[in-house]
Amino acid sequence: MLARRRQELILNEVLRSGGVRVSDLCEMFQVSDMTIRRDLDTLAAAGLLEKVHGGATAVEHRATDEPGFEAKSHRQQGEKRSIAKAAALLVQPGTAIGLTAGTTTWQLAELIVGVPDLVVVTNSIRVAETLHAAQRPDLTVVLTGGVRTPSDALVGPVAVTALRSLHVDQVFMGVHGMSERAGFTTPNLTEAETNRAFVESAQRLVVLADHTKWALRALSTITALAEADVVVTDDGMTPDARETLRQCVGELVVASSGRPRALGRRPR
């Protein structure tokens, strides 16, 4: 098993159980104590877990925590790729779309570079770089400008002013957390304002959020669950969470290693 894949599985186990022992991980992956400790060092350096004597524990989530782009890019890689593939099916040729900053929307950008006659408005430096690299004459990229955050988002008055002058067919939004009461949230107040401008600019809101975002409530609400026309998540979402989302949002799409499954629309 490649080290990156083993580290992803270790992180998933830490997030699931709250903590792990080195001895248990050695037995689970059939590798040496030294190998596991190196894996834990790598994950701890990225801010993804905390090393303790004999093992590691999950990083405490606070409402103001804002991991950097590199740290987030290591989390739920398989789930995010599946979500991005399902979301890419919603992108139609000849349309204008918005992509907010985030590691899942960044993966989506990689998948839509071949869509003909596309206009993409984004506040993500990573997304803009990915799309520009395609060098397609029929792909127009509009980068909002603004103040850079740890997640490589451009936010603030410059970004908001740019977005309020634009109109897109649909926006694909990544979020830090979501819950029935708080809605879709982010730890960055200025990013919340910028994302609200994105939502207001679009005819349709598509939220991309893996299962670990459920019941995670950050400092600032972007918008309520009911404002989402579509939520694309992965099959790690619990049945109770799926049912809550299905009742609240316009449509719930659950992505897996197989074909994405639409779980129906909310009752009208």
Protein backbone atom coordinates (compact mmCIF):
# COMPACT_ATOMS: atom_id res chain seq x y z
CA MET A 1 0.00 0.00 0.00
CA LEU A 2 1.27 3.46 -0.90
CA ALA A 3 2.13 5.68 2.06
CA ARG A 4 -0.35 8.38 0.99
CA ARG A 5 -3.23 5.89 0.85
CA ARG A 6 -2.26 4.38 4.24
CA GLN A 7 -2.14 7.86 5.76
CA GLU A 8 -5.61 8.63 4.40
CA LEU A 9 -6.97 5.45 6.01
CA ILE A 10 -5.23 6.28 9.29
CA LEU A 11 -6.81 9.75 9.25
CA ASN A 12 -10.23 8.27 8.52
CA GLU A 13 -9.85 5.96 11.52
CA VAL A 14 -8.82 8.86 13.76
CA LEU A 15 -11.83 10.91 12.64
CA ARG A 16 -14.15 7.93 13.13
CA SER A 17 -12.96 6.85 16.57
CA GLY A 18 -11.39 10.01 17.95
CA GLY A 19 -8.00 8.37 18.53
CA VAL A 20 -5.73 5.46 17.58
CA ARG A 21 -2.86 3.46 19.08
CA VAL A 22 0.37 2.83 17.18
CA SER A 23 0.22 -0.86 18.07
CA ASP A 24 -3.29 -1.21 16.65
CA LEU A 25 -2.28 0.53 13.41
CA CYS A 26 0.75 -1.74 13.04
CA GLU A 27 -1.53 -4.76 13.25
CA MET A 28 -4.16 -3.20 10.97
CA PHE A 29 -1.73 -2.38 8.15
CA GLN A 30 0.88 -5.08 8.82
CA VAL A 31 3.74 -2.59 8.89
CA SER A 32 6.42 -1.67 11.42
CA ASP A 33 6.14 0.64 14.40
CA MET A 34 8.60 3.01 12.68
CA THR A 35 6.45 3.21 9.52
CA ILE A 36 3.33 4.12 11.49
CA ARG A 37 5.16 6.74 13.50
CA ARG A 38 6.42 8.33 10.28
CA ASP A 39 2.85 8.37 8.96
CA LEU A 40 1.63 10.04 12.15
CA ASP A 41 4.45 12.60 11.94
CA THR A 42 3.39 13.45 8.38
CA LEU A 43 -0.27 13.84 9.32
CA ALA A 44 0.54 15.85 12.45
CA ALA A 45 2.79 18.20 10.46
CA ALA A 46 -0.14 18.87 8.14
CA GLY A 47 -2.35 19.72 11.13
CA LEU A 48 -4.66 16.77 10.51
CA LEU A 49 -4.22 15.05 13.91
CA GLU A 50 -2.41 15.43 17.21
CA LYS A 51 0.30 12.98 18.27
CA VAL A 52 0.08 11.67 21.82
CA HIS A 53 2.08 9.08 23.74
CA GLY A 54 1.54 5.75 21.98
CA GLY A 55 -0.76 7.04 19.27
CA ALA A 56 -2.73 10.03 17.96
CA THR A 57 -6.01 11.82 18.53
CA ALA A 58 -8.34 13.89 16.38
CA VAL A 59 -7.76 17.62 16.23
CA GLU A 60 -10.41 19.44 18.25
CA HIS A 61 -12.79 21.27 15.91
CA ARG A 62 -13.52 24.84 16.96
CA ALA A 63 -15.92 27.20 15.24
CA THR A 64 -13.04 29.43 14.15
CA ASP A 65 -10.67 26.69 12.91
CA GLU A 66 -9.64 27.32 9.31
CA PRO A 67 -7.27 24.65 7.90
CA GLY A 68 -5.05 25.65 4.98
CA PHE A 69 -5.54 24.31 1.47
CA GLU A 70 -2.74 21.73 1.75
CA ALA A 71 -4.11 20.33 5.01
CA LYS A 72 -7.62 20.01 3.57
CA SER A 73 -6.36 18.42 0.35
CA HIS A 74 -5.27 15.33 2.33
CA ARG A 75 -8.73 14.71 3.78
CA GLN A 76 -11.34 12.38 2.23
CA GLN A 77 -9.58 12.33 -1.14
CA GLY A 78 -11.60 9.45 -2.56
CA GLU A 79 -14.91 10.89 -1.40
CA LYS A 80 -14.11 14.32 -2.82
CA ARG A 81 -13.17 12.84 -6.18
CA SER A 82 -16.45 10.92 -6.34
CA ILE A 83 -18.39 14.06 -5.43
CA ALA A 84 -16.54 16.07 -8.08
CA LYS A 85 -17.32 13.43 -10.74
CA ALA A 86 -21.02 13.54 -9.86
CA ALA A 87 -21.04 17.34 -9.90
CA ALA A 88 -19.27 17.45 -13.27
CA LEU A 89 -22.32 15.77 -14.80
CA LEU A 90 -24.32 18.89 -13.92
CA VAL A 91 -22.09 21.24 -15.93
CA GLN A 92 -23.58 21.94 -19.37
CA PRO A 93 -21.79 23.34 -22.45
CA GLY A 94 -22.42 26.98 -23.24
CA THR A 95 -23.18 28.01 -19.66
CA ALA A 96 -21.68 30.32 -17.04
CA ILE A 97 -20.90 28.76 -13.67
CA GLY A 98 -19.35 29.84 -10.39
CA LEU A 99 -16.81 27.80 -8.43
CA THR A 100 -16.08 28.86 -4.86
CA ALA A 101 -12.77 28.06 -3.21
CA GLY A 102 -12.19 24.58 -1.78
CA THR A 103 -10.48 21.28 -2.41
CA THR A 104 -13.61 19.61 -3.82
CA THR A 105 -14.38 22.46 -6.23
CA TRP A 106 -10.71 22.35 -7.23
CA GLN A 107 -11.13 18.70 -8.18
CA LEU A 108 -14.29 19.63 -10.07
CA ALA A 109 -12.30 22.21 -12.04
CA GLU A 110 -9.94 19.46 -13.21
CA LEU A 111 -12.91 17.49 -14.57
CA ILE A 112 -14.64 20.25 -16.52
CA VAL A 113 -11.75 21.67 -18.54
CA GLY A 114 -13.10 19.86 -21.59
CA VAL A 115 -16.65 21.24 -21.43
CA PRO A 116 -17.17 23.41 -24.56
CA ASP A 117 -17.98 27.14 -24.46
CA LEU A 118 -17.78 27.48 -20.69
CA VAL A 119 -17.45 30.63 -18.57
CA VAL A 120 -16.19 30.03 -15.02
CA VAL A 121 -16.29 32.70 -12.32
CA THR A 122 -14.16 31.84 -9.30
CA ASN A 123 -12.53 33.33 -6.22
CA SER A 124 -10.12 30.39 -5.96
CA ILE A 125 -6.51 30.83 -7.01
CA ARG A 126 -6.11 27.05 -7.32
CA VAL A 127 -9.21 26.68 -9.50
CA ALA A 128 -8.12 29.55 -11.77
CA GLU A 129 -4.64 28.05 -12.18
CA THR A 130 -6.10 24.65 -13.08
CA LEU A 131 -8.46 26.10 -15.69
CA HIS A 132 -5.87 28.44 -17.20
CA ALA A 133 -3.50 25.50 -17.67
CA ALA A 134 -6.02 23.92 -20.08
CA GLN A 135 -5.38 26.78 -22.58
CA ARG A 136 -8.75 26.37 -24.28
CA PRO A 137 -9.91 29.36 -26.38
CA ASP A 138 -13.56 28.56 -25.59
CA LEU A 139 -12.97 28.51 -21.82
CA THR A 140 -13.26 31.91 -20.14
CA VAL A 141 -12.05 32.25 -16.55
CA VAL A 142 -13.02 35.24 -14.41
CA LEU A 143 -11.00 35.56 -11.18
CA THR A 144 -12.67 37.93 -8.74
CA GLY A 145 -9.65 39.40 -6.98
CA GLY A 146 -9.66 40.11 -3.25
CA VAL A 147 -7.75 39.29 -0.07
CA ARG A 148 -6.24 35.80 0.13
CA THR A 149 -7.26 33.41 2.94
CA PRO A 150 -5.45 30.29 4.26
CA SER A 151 -7.63 28.18 1.93
CA ASP A 152 -6.43 30.19 -1.11
CA ALA A 153 -9.78 31.96 -1.47
CA LEU A 154 -9.99 35.59 -2.56
CA VAL A 155 -12.49 37.38 -0.33
CA GLY A 156 -13.57 40.78 0.87
CA PRO A 157 -15.07 43.93 -0.71
CA VAL A 158 -13.26 43.56 -4.04
CA ALA A 159 -14.53 39.99 -4.51
CA VAL A 160 -18.06 40.86 -3.35
CA THR A 161 -18.28 43.88 -5.68
CA ALA A 162 -17.16 41.76 -8.64
CA LEU A 163 -19.67 39.01 -7.88
CA ARG A 164 -22.58 41.43 -7.46
CA SER A 165 -22.05 42.62 -11.03
CA LEU A 166 -22.14 39.09 -12.48
CA HIS A 167 -24.86 36.50 -13.11
CA VAL A 168 -24.20 32.78 -13.54
CA ASP A 169 -26.42 29.82 -14.33
CA GLN A 170 -25.29 27.83 -11.31
CA VAL A 171 -22.69 28.04 -8.58
CA PHE A 172 -20.85 25.06 -7.12
CA MET A 173 -20.00 25.82 -3.50
CA GLY A 174 -17.74 23.99 -1.07
CA VAL A 175 -18.42 24.41 2.65
CA HIS A 176 -16.61 23.86 5.94
CA GLY A 177 -19.65 22.47 7.72
CA MET A 178 -23.40 21.98 7.51
CA SER A 179 -26.17 21.29 9.98
CA GLU A 180 -29.94 21.51 10.07
CA ARG A 181 -29.99 24.55 12.36
CA ALA A 182 -26.86 26.46 11.26
CA GLY A 183 -27.10 25.69 7.55
CA PHE A 184 -23.93 25.84 5.44
CA THR A 185 -21.08 27.41 7.39
CA THR A 186 -17.48 28.62 7.21
CA PRO A 187 -15.03 29.74 9.94
CA ASN A 188 -14.09 32.87 7.96
CA LEU A 189 -16.53 35.79 8.30
CA THR A 190 -15.29 37.51 5.16
CA GLU A 191 -15.44 34.31 3.14
CA ALA A 192 -19.04 33.81 4.29
CA GLU A 193 -19.94 37.23 2.89
CA THR A 194 -18.17 36.45 -0.38
CA ASN A 195 -19.92 33.09 -0.72
CA ARG A 196 -23.27 34.74 -0.05
CA ALA A 197 -22.55 37.03 -3.00
CA PHE A 198 -21.85 33.92 -5.08
CA VAL A 199 -25.20 32.44 -4.05
CA GLU A 200 -27.03 35.66 -4.93
CA SER A 201 -25.39 35.74 -8.37
CA ALA A 202 -26.62 32.28 -9.36
CA GLN A 203 -29.90 30.89 -10.61
CA ARG A 204 -29.03 27.54 -9.02
CA LEU A 205 -26.95 26.56 -5.97
CA VAL A 206 -25.10 23.22 -5.90
CA VAL A 207 -23.28 22.43 -2.64
CA LEU A 208 -20.41 19.92 -2.61
CA ALA A 209 -19.84 18.46 0.86
CA ASP A 210 -18.43 15.11 1.98
CA HIS A 211 -19.92 13.23 4.93
CA THR A 212 -17.46 14.66 7.49
CA LYS A 213 -19.01 18.12 7.01
CA TRP A 214 -22.34 17.01 8.51
CA ALA A 215 -23.04 18.29 12.06
CA LEU A 216 -19.87 20.41 11.84
CA ARG A 217 -20.81 24.01 12.63
CA ALA A 218 -18.35 26.79 11.89
CA LEU A 219 -18.53 30.41 13.01
CA SER A 220 -20.51 32.01 10.19
CA THR A 221 -23.56 30.86 8.24
CA ILE A 222 -23.42 31.29 4.47
CA THR A 223 -27.01 30.27 3.80
CA ALA A 224 -29.69 27.89 5.02
CA LEU A 225 -29.92 24.28 3.86
CA ALA A 226 -33.21 25.05 2.12
CA GLU A 227 -31.46 27.47 -0.26
CA ALA A 228 -29.51 24.62 -1.91
CA ASP A 229 -31.06 23.32 -5.11
CA VAL A 230 -28.71 20.31 -5.03
CA VAL A 231 -26.35 18.85 -2.44
CA VAL A 232 -23.79 16.34 -3.67
CA THR A 233 -22.27 14.18 -0.92
CA ASP A 234 -20.75 10.71 -0.57
CA ASP A 235 -22.10 7.38 0.67
CA GLY A 236 -20.35 7.79 4.02
CA MET A 237 -23.23 10.05 5.06
CA THR A 238 -25.38 8.34 7.69
CA PRO A 239 -28.98 7.39 6.86
CA ASP A 240 -30.34 9.92 9.38
CA ALA A 241 -28.26 12.72 7.90
CA ARG A 242 -29.32 11.76 4.38
CA GLU A 243 -32.97 11.88 5.38
CA THR A 244 -32.57 15.30 7.00
CA LEU A 245 -30.85 16.63 3.89
CA ARG A 246 -33.44 15.08 1.60
CA GLN A 247 -36.18 16.88 3.52
CA CYS A 248 -34.36 20.23 3.53
CA VAL A 249 -32.63 20.65 0.16
CA GLY A 250 -33.99 20.64 -3.37
CA GLU A 251 -32.26 17.41 -4.39
CA LEU A 252 -29.73 15.11 -2.73
CA VAL A 253 -27.16 13.26 -4.85
CA VAL A 254 -25.04 10.58 -3.17
CA ALA A 255 -21.81 9.78 -5.01
CA SER A 256 -20.01 6.47 -4.63
CA SER A 257 -17.41 4.45 -6.51
CA GLY A 258 -20.28 3.42 -8.77
CA ARG A 259 -22.89 5.60 -10.44
CA PRO A 260 -24.12 8.68 -8.48
CA ARG A 261 -27.58 8.10 -7.00
CA ALA A 262 -30.21 10.79 -6.70
CA LEU A 263 -32.24 10.26 -3.53
CA GLY A 264 -35.16 12.38 -4.63
CA ARG A 265 -36.33 15.89 -3.99
CA ARG A 266 -37.69 17.44 -0.83
CA PRO A 267 -41.47 17.38 -0.46
CA ARG A 268 -43.21 20.47 -1.83
